């Protein structure tokens, strides 16, 4: 491994074997399955050099904190990117606007719950009951979010 000597490599290998599975499960909950492995590896590599030095009493907790910090970094990065994208599609001063930009802006103004319901009902073509099952909410809540989202989108896209 980069930046550590052979004795520290053995320690890093042992720590990886002991904690990789649970760190991966933890990261999957935090960032989802597509980014979990990258977050774990990045956090582990960042923490392993520090773990080789004396003074760390609980390496497991230190690794979990490193993975959590990487997940927060990813979330902040995505939020900044999202803010830049929203800023890029803000209302134009021109009289003619691109309908696709208007739709994106209108959807971006929906709450996260409303966007999730709209995604599953219209994009994944799930029924209200299946959407409720996936989101672990009641079918009535799905109908309420969907109705509010439709009302907002109708008003925003007139």
C-alpha atoms as a PDB file:
ATOM      1  CA  UNK A   1       0.000   0.000   0.000  1.00  0.00           C
ATOM      2  CA  UNK A   2       1.100   3.513  -0.697  1.00  0.00           C
ATOM      3  CA  UNK A   3       2.807   5.360   2.149  1.00  0.00           C
ATOM      4  CA  UNK A   4       3.154   2.515   4.667  1.00  0.00           C
ATOM      5  CA  UNK A   5       5.961  -0.007   5.212  1.00  0.00           C
ATOM      6  CA  UNK A   6       5.726  -3.823   5.229  1.00  0.00           C
ATOM      7  CA  UNK A   7       4.888  -4.204   8.940  1.00  0.00           C
ATOM      8  CA  UNK A   8       2.119  -1.654   8.552  1.00  0.00           C
ATOM      9  CA  UNK A   9       0.880  -3.484   5.432  1.00  0.00           C
ATOM     10  CA  UNK A  10       0.251  -6.565   7.558  1.00  0.00           C
ATOM     11  CA  UNK A  11      -1.739  -4.448  10.014  1.00  0.00           C
ATOM     12  CA  UNK A  12      -3.686  -2.853   7.182  1.00  0.00           C
ATOM     13  CA  UNK A  13      -4.430  -6.264   5.665  1.00  0.00           C
ATOM     14  CA  UNK A  14      -5.652  -7.560   9.025  1.00  0.00           C
ATOM     15  CA  UNK A  15      -7.850  -4.496   9.578  1.00  0.00           C
ATOM     16  CA  UNK A  16      -9.296  -4.824   6.080  1.00  0.00           C
ATOM     17  CA  UNK A  17     -10.138  -8.500   6.594  1.00  0.00           C
ATOM     18  CA  UNK A  18     -11.713  -7.784   9.987  1.00  0.00           C
ATOM     19  CA  UNK A  19     -13.777  -4.723   9.078  1.00  0.00           C
ATOM     20  CA  UNK A  20     -14.349  -4.484   5.322  1.00  0.00           C
ATOM     21  CA  UNK A  21     -17.689  -6.290   5.280  1.00  0.00           C
ATOM     22  CA  UNK A  22     -19.268  -4.237   8.045  1.00  0.00           C
ATOM     23  CA  UNK A  23     -17.828  -1.004   6.653  1.00  0.00           C
ATOM     24  CA  UNK A  24     -19.340  -1.858   3.276  1.00  0.00           C
ATOM     25  CA  UNK A  25     -22.757  -2.487   4.839  1.00  0.00           C
ATOM     26  CA  UNK A  26     -22.492   0.808   6.713  1.00  0.00           C
ATOM     27  CA  UNK A  27     -21.499   2.723   3.582  1.00  0.00           C
ATOM     28  CA  UNK A  28     -24.314   1.119   1.596  1.00  0.00           C
ATOM     29  CA  UNK A  29     -26.803   2.540   4.068  1.00  0.00           C
ATOM     30  CA  UNK A  30     -25.173   5.968   3.861  1.00  0.00           C
ATOM     31  CA  UNK A  31     -24.623   6.376   0.121  1.00  0.00           C
ATOM     32  CA  UNK A  32     -26.249   3.433  -1.623  1.00  0.00           C
ATOM     33  CA  UNK A  33     -24.745   0.372  -3.241  1.00  0.00           C
ATOM     34  CA  UNK A  34     -23.239   2.081  -6.276  1.00  0.00           C
ATOM     35  CA  UNK A  35     -20.902   4.344  -4.279  1.00  0.00           C
ATOM     36  CA  UNK A  36     -20.411   2.251  -1.130  1.00  0.00           C
ATOM     37  CA  UNK A  37     -17.267   0.386  -2.194  1.00  0.00           C
ATOM     38  CA  UNK A  38     -15.521   3.573  -3.329  1.00  0.00           C
ATOM     39  CA  UNK A  39     -16.391   5.302  -0.055  1.00  0.00           C
ATOM     40  CA  UNK A  40     -15.080   2.386   2.023  1.00  0.00           C
ATOM     41  CA  UNK A  41     -11.822   2.069   0.096  1.00  0.00           C
ATOM     42  CA  UNK A  42     -11.235   5.813   0.124  1.00  0.00           C
ATOM     43  CA  UNK A  43     -11.974   6.077   3.849  1.00  0.00           C
ATOM     44  CA  UNK A  44      -9.884   3.027   4.678  1.00  0.00           C
ATOM     45  CA  UNK A  45      -6.874   4.230   2.717  1.00  0.00           C
ATOM     46  CA  UNK A  46      -7.127   7.644   4.321  1.00  0.00           C
ATOM     47  CA  UNK A  47      -7.331   6.166   7.812  1.00  0.00           C
ATOM     48  CA  UNK A  48      -4.831   3.316   7.564  1.00  0.00           C
ATOM     49  CA  UNK A  49      -1.729   5.534   7.741  1.00  0.00           C
ATOM     50  CA  UNK A  50      -3.005   7.115  10.940  1.00  0.00           C
ATOM     51  CA  UNK A  51      -3.986   3.732  12.365  1.00  0.00           C
ATOM     52  CA  UNK A  52      -0.383   2.549  11.987  1.00  0.00           C
ATOM     53  CA  UNK A  53       0.727   5.161  14.520  1.00  0.00           C
ATOM     54  CA  UNK A  54       0.256   4.581  18.252  1.00  0.00           C
ATOM     55  CA  UNK A  55      -2.518   6.398  20.069  1.00  0.00           C
ATOM     56  CA  UNK A  56      -5.617   5.077  18.311  1.00  0.00           C
ATOM     57  CA  UNK A  57      -7.430   3.024  20.958  1.00  0.00           C
ATOM     58  CA  UNK A  58     -10.338   1.842  18.825  1.00  0.00           C
ATOM     59  CA  UNK A  59      -9.379   1.229  15.165  1.00  0.00           C
ATOM     60  CA  UNK A  60     -12.882  -0.024  14.304  1.00  0.00           C
ATOM     61  CA  UNK A  61     -14.505   3.216  15.450  1.00  0.00           C
ATOM     62  CA  UNK A  62     -11.830   5.217  13.643  1.00  0.00           C
ATOM     63  CA  UNK A  63     -12.555   3.346  10.390  1.00  0.00           C
ATOM     64  CA  UNK A  64     -16.305   3.884  10.753  1.00  0.00           C
ATOM     65  CA  UNK A  65     -15.725   7.588  11.318  1.00  0.00           C
ATOM     66  CA  UNK A  66     -13.471   7.748   8.240  1.00  0.00           C
ATOM     67  CA  UNK A  67     -16.153   6.092   6.094  1.00  0.00           C
ATOM     68  CA  UNK A  68     -18.816   8.422   7.504  1.00  0.00           C
ATOM     69  CA  UNK A  69     -16.662  11.456   6.738  1.00  0.00           C
ATOM     70  CA  UNK A  70     -16.144  10.291   3.134  1.00  0.00           C
ATOM     71  CA  UNK A  71     -19.905   9.794   2.785  1.00  0.00           C
ATOM     72  CA  UNK A  72     -20.480  13.343   4.050  1.00  0.00           C
ATOM     73  CA  UNK A  73     -17.886  14.638   1.584  1.00  0.00           C
ATOM     74  CA  UNK A  74     -19.732  12.890  -1.247  1.00  0.00           C
ATOM     75  CA  UNK A  75     -23.078  14.311  -0.103  1.00  0.00           C
ATOM     76  CA  UNK A  76     -21.684  17.853   0.112  1.00  0.00           C
ATOM     77  CA  UNK A  77     -20.142  17.488  -3.324  1.00  0.00           C
ATOM     78  CA  UNK A  78     -23.446  16.338  -4.784  1.00  0.00           C
ATOM     79  CA  UNK A  79     -25.315  19.173  -3.065  1.00  0.00           C
ATOM     80  CA  UNK A  80     -22.906  21.732  -4.525  1.00  0.00           C
ATOM     81  CA  UNK A  81     -23.285  20.169  -7.967  1.00  0.00           C
ATOM     82  CA  UNK A  82     -27.074  20.158  -7.556  1.00  0.00           C
ATOM     83  CA  UNK A  83     -27.041  23.845  -6.565  1.00  0.00           C
ATOM     84  CA  UNK A  84     -24.907  24.698  -9.608  1.00  0.00           C
ATOM     85  CA  UNK A  85     -27.287  22.760 -11.869  1.00  0.00           C
ATOM     86  CA  UNK A  86     -30.340  24.506 -10.415  1.00  0.00           C
ATOM     87  CA  UNK A  87     -28.623  27.861 -10.807  1.00  0.00           C
ATOM     88  CA  UNK A  88     -27.866  27.007 -14.437  1.00  0.00           C
ATOM     89  CA  UNK A  89     -31.545  26.406 -15.189  1.00  0.00           C
ATOM     90  CA  UNK A  90     -32.931  29.386 -13.265  1.00  0.00           C
ATOM     91  CA  UNK A  91     -35.584  31.457 -15.054  1.00  0.00           C
ATOM     92  CA  UNK A  92     -34.233  33.295 -18.021  1.00  0.00           C
ATOM     93  CA  UNK A  93     -35.023  36.897 -18.771  1.00  0.00           C
ATOM     94  CA  UNK A  94     -35.827  36.013 -22.374  1.00  0.00           C
ATOM     95  CA  UNK A  95     -39.461  35.578 -23.396  1.00  0.00           C
ATOM     96  CA  UNK A  96     -38.780  32.201 -25.014  1.00  0.00           C
ATOM     97  CA  UNK A  97     -37.584  29.440 -22.692  1.00  0.00           C
ATOM     98  CA  UNK A  98     -36.674  25.854 -23.324  1.00  0.00           C
ATOM     99  CA  UNK A  99     -39.537  23.586 -22.135  1.00  0.00           C
ATOM    100  CA  UNK A 100     -37.070  20.986 -20.858  1.00  0.00           C
ATOM    101  CA  UNK A 101     -35.437  23.574 -18.605  1.00  0.00           C
ATOM    102  CA  UNK A 102     -38.872  24.624 -17.324  1.00  0.00           C
ATOM    103  CA  UNK A 103     -39.725  21.013 -16.481  1.00  0.00           C
ATOM    104  CA  UNK A 104     -36.412  20.497 -14.697  1.00  0.00           C
ATOM    105  CA  UNK A 105     -36.917  23.681 -12.699  1.00  0.00           C
ATOM    106  CA  UNK A 106     -40.472  22.694 -11.768  1.00  0.00           C
ATOM    107  CA  UNK A 107     -39.429  19.202 -10.695  1.00  0.00           C
ATOM    108  CA  UNK A 108     -36.489  20.603  -8.719  1.00  0.00           C
ATOM    109  CA  UNK A 109     -38.942  22.739  -6.735  1.00  0.00           C
ATOM    110  CA  UNK A 110     -40.796  19.638  -5.525  1.00  0.00           C
ATOM    111  CA  UNK A 111     -40.028  18.239  -2.082  1.00  0.00           C
ATOM    112  CA  UNK A 112     -37.798  15.171  -1.922  1.00  0.00           C
ATOM    113  CA  UNK A 113     -40.811  13.013  -1.008  1.00  0.00           C
ATOM    114  CA  UNK A 114     -42.819  14.355  -3.932  1.00  0.00           C
ATOM    115  CA  UNK A 115     -39.922  13.805  -6.332  1.00  0.00           C
ATOM    116  CA  UNK A 116     -39.496  10.240  -5.094  1.00  0.00           C
ATOM    117  CA  UNK A 117     -43.183   9.464  -5.644  1.00  0.00           C
ATOM    118  CA  UNK A 118     -43.187  11.102  -9.088  1.00  0.00           C
ATOM    119  CA  UNK A 119     -40.070   9.130 -10.005  1.00  0.00           C
ATOM    120  CA  UNK A 120     -41.514   5.756  -9.047  1.00  0.00           C
ATOM    121  CA  UNK A 121     -45.005   6.365 -10.459  1.00  0.00           C
ATOM    122  CA  UNK A 122     -44.043   8.012 -13.755  1.00  0.00           C
ATOM    123  CA  UNK A 123     -40.489   6.901 -14.466  1.00  0.00           C
ATOM    124  CA  UNK A 124     -40.483   3.363 -13.048  1.00  0.00           C
ATOM    125  CA  UNK A 125     -44.196   2.959 -13.857  1.00  0.00           C
ATOM    126  CA  UNK A 126     -45.019   1.518 -10.430  1.00  0.00           C
ATOM    127  CA  UNK A 127     -48.526   1.480  -9.030  1.00  0.00           C
ATOM    128  CA  UNK A 128     -49.325   3.584  -5.993  1.00  0.00           C
ATOM    129  CA  UNK A 129     -49.324   0.487  -3.779  1.00  0.00           C
ATOM    130  CA  UNK A 130     -45.924  -0.694  -5.118  1.00  0.00           C
ATOM    131  CA  UNK A 131     -44.535   2.828  -4.688  1.00  0.00           C
ATOM    132  CA  UNK A 132     -45.796   2.815  -1.096  1.00  0.00           C
ATOM    133  CA  UNK A 133     -44.107  -0.520  -0.535  1.00  0.00           C
ATOM    134  CA  UNK A 134     -40.780   0.651  -1.960  1.00  0.00           C
ATOM    135  CA  UNK A 135     -40.798   3.921   0.002  1.00  0.00           C
ATOM    136  CA  UNK A 136     -42.224   2.242   3.102  1.00  0.00           C
ATOM    137  CA  UNK A 137     -45.078   4.731   3.409  1.00  0.00           C
ATOM    138  CA  UNK A 138     -48.832   4.287   3.214  1.00  0.00           C
ATOM    139  CA  UNK A 139     -50.679   4.319  -0.134  1.00  0.00           C
ATOM    140  CA  UNK A 140     -52.586   7.369   1.117  1.00  0.00           C
ATOM    141  CA  UNK A 141     -49.315   9.223   1.622  1.00  0.00           C
ATOM    142  CA  UNK A 142     -48.274   8.293  -1.916  1.00  0.00           C
ATOM    143  CA  UNK A 143     -51.566   9.668  -3.277  1.00  0.00           C
ATOM    144  CA  UNK A 144     -51.163  12.880  -1.234  1.00  0.00           C
ATOM    145  CA  UNK A 145     -47.565  13.457  -2.439  1.00  0.00           C
ATOM    146  CA  UNK A 146     -48.573  12.677  -6.013  1.00  0.00           C
ATOM    147  CA  UNK A 147     -51.574  15.039  -5.923  1.00  0.00           C
ATOM    148  CA  UNK A 148     -49.494  17.872  -4.453  1.00  0.00           C
ATOM    149  CA  UNK A 149     -46.729  17.292  -6.997  1.00  0.00           C
ATOM    150  CA  UNK A 150     -49.222  17.284  -9.889  1.00  0.00           C
ATOM    151  CA  UNK A 151     -50.808  20.521  -8.631  1.00  0.00           C
ATOM    152  CA  UNK A 152     -47.407  22.183  -8.331  1.00  0.00           C
ATOM    153  CA  UNK A 153     -46.281  21.002 -11.756  1.00  0.00           C
ATOM    154  CA  UNK A 154     -49.521  22.183 -13.424  1.00  0.00           C
ATOM    155  CA  UNK A 155     -49.098  25.652 -11.909  1.00  0.00           C
ATOM    156  CA  UNK A 156     -45.388  25.861 -12.661  1.00  0.00           C
ATOM    157  CA  UNK A 157     -45.699  24.721 -16.281  1.00  0.00           C
ATOM    158  CA  UNK A 158     -48.594  26.936 -17.410  1.00  0.00           C
END
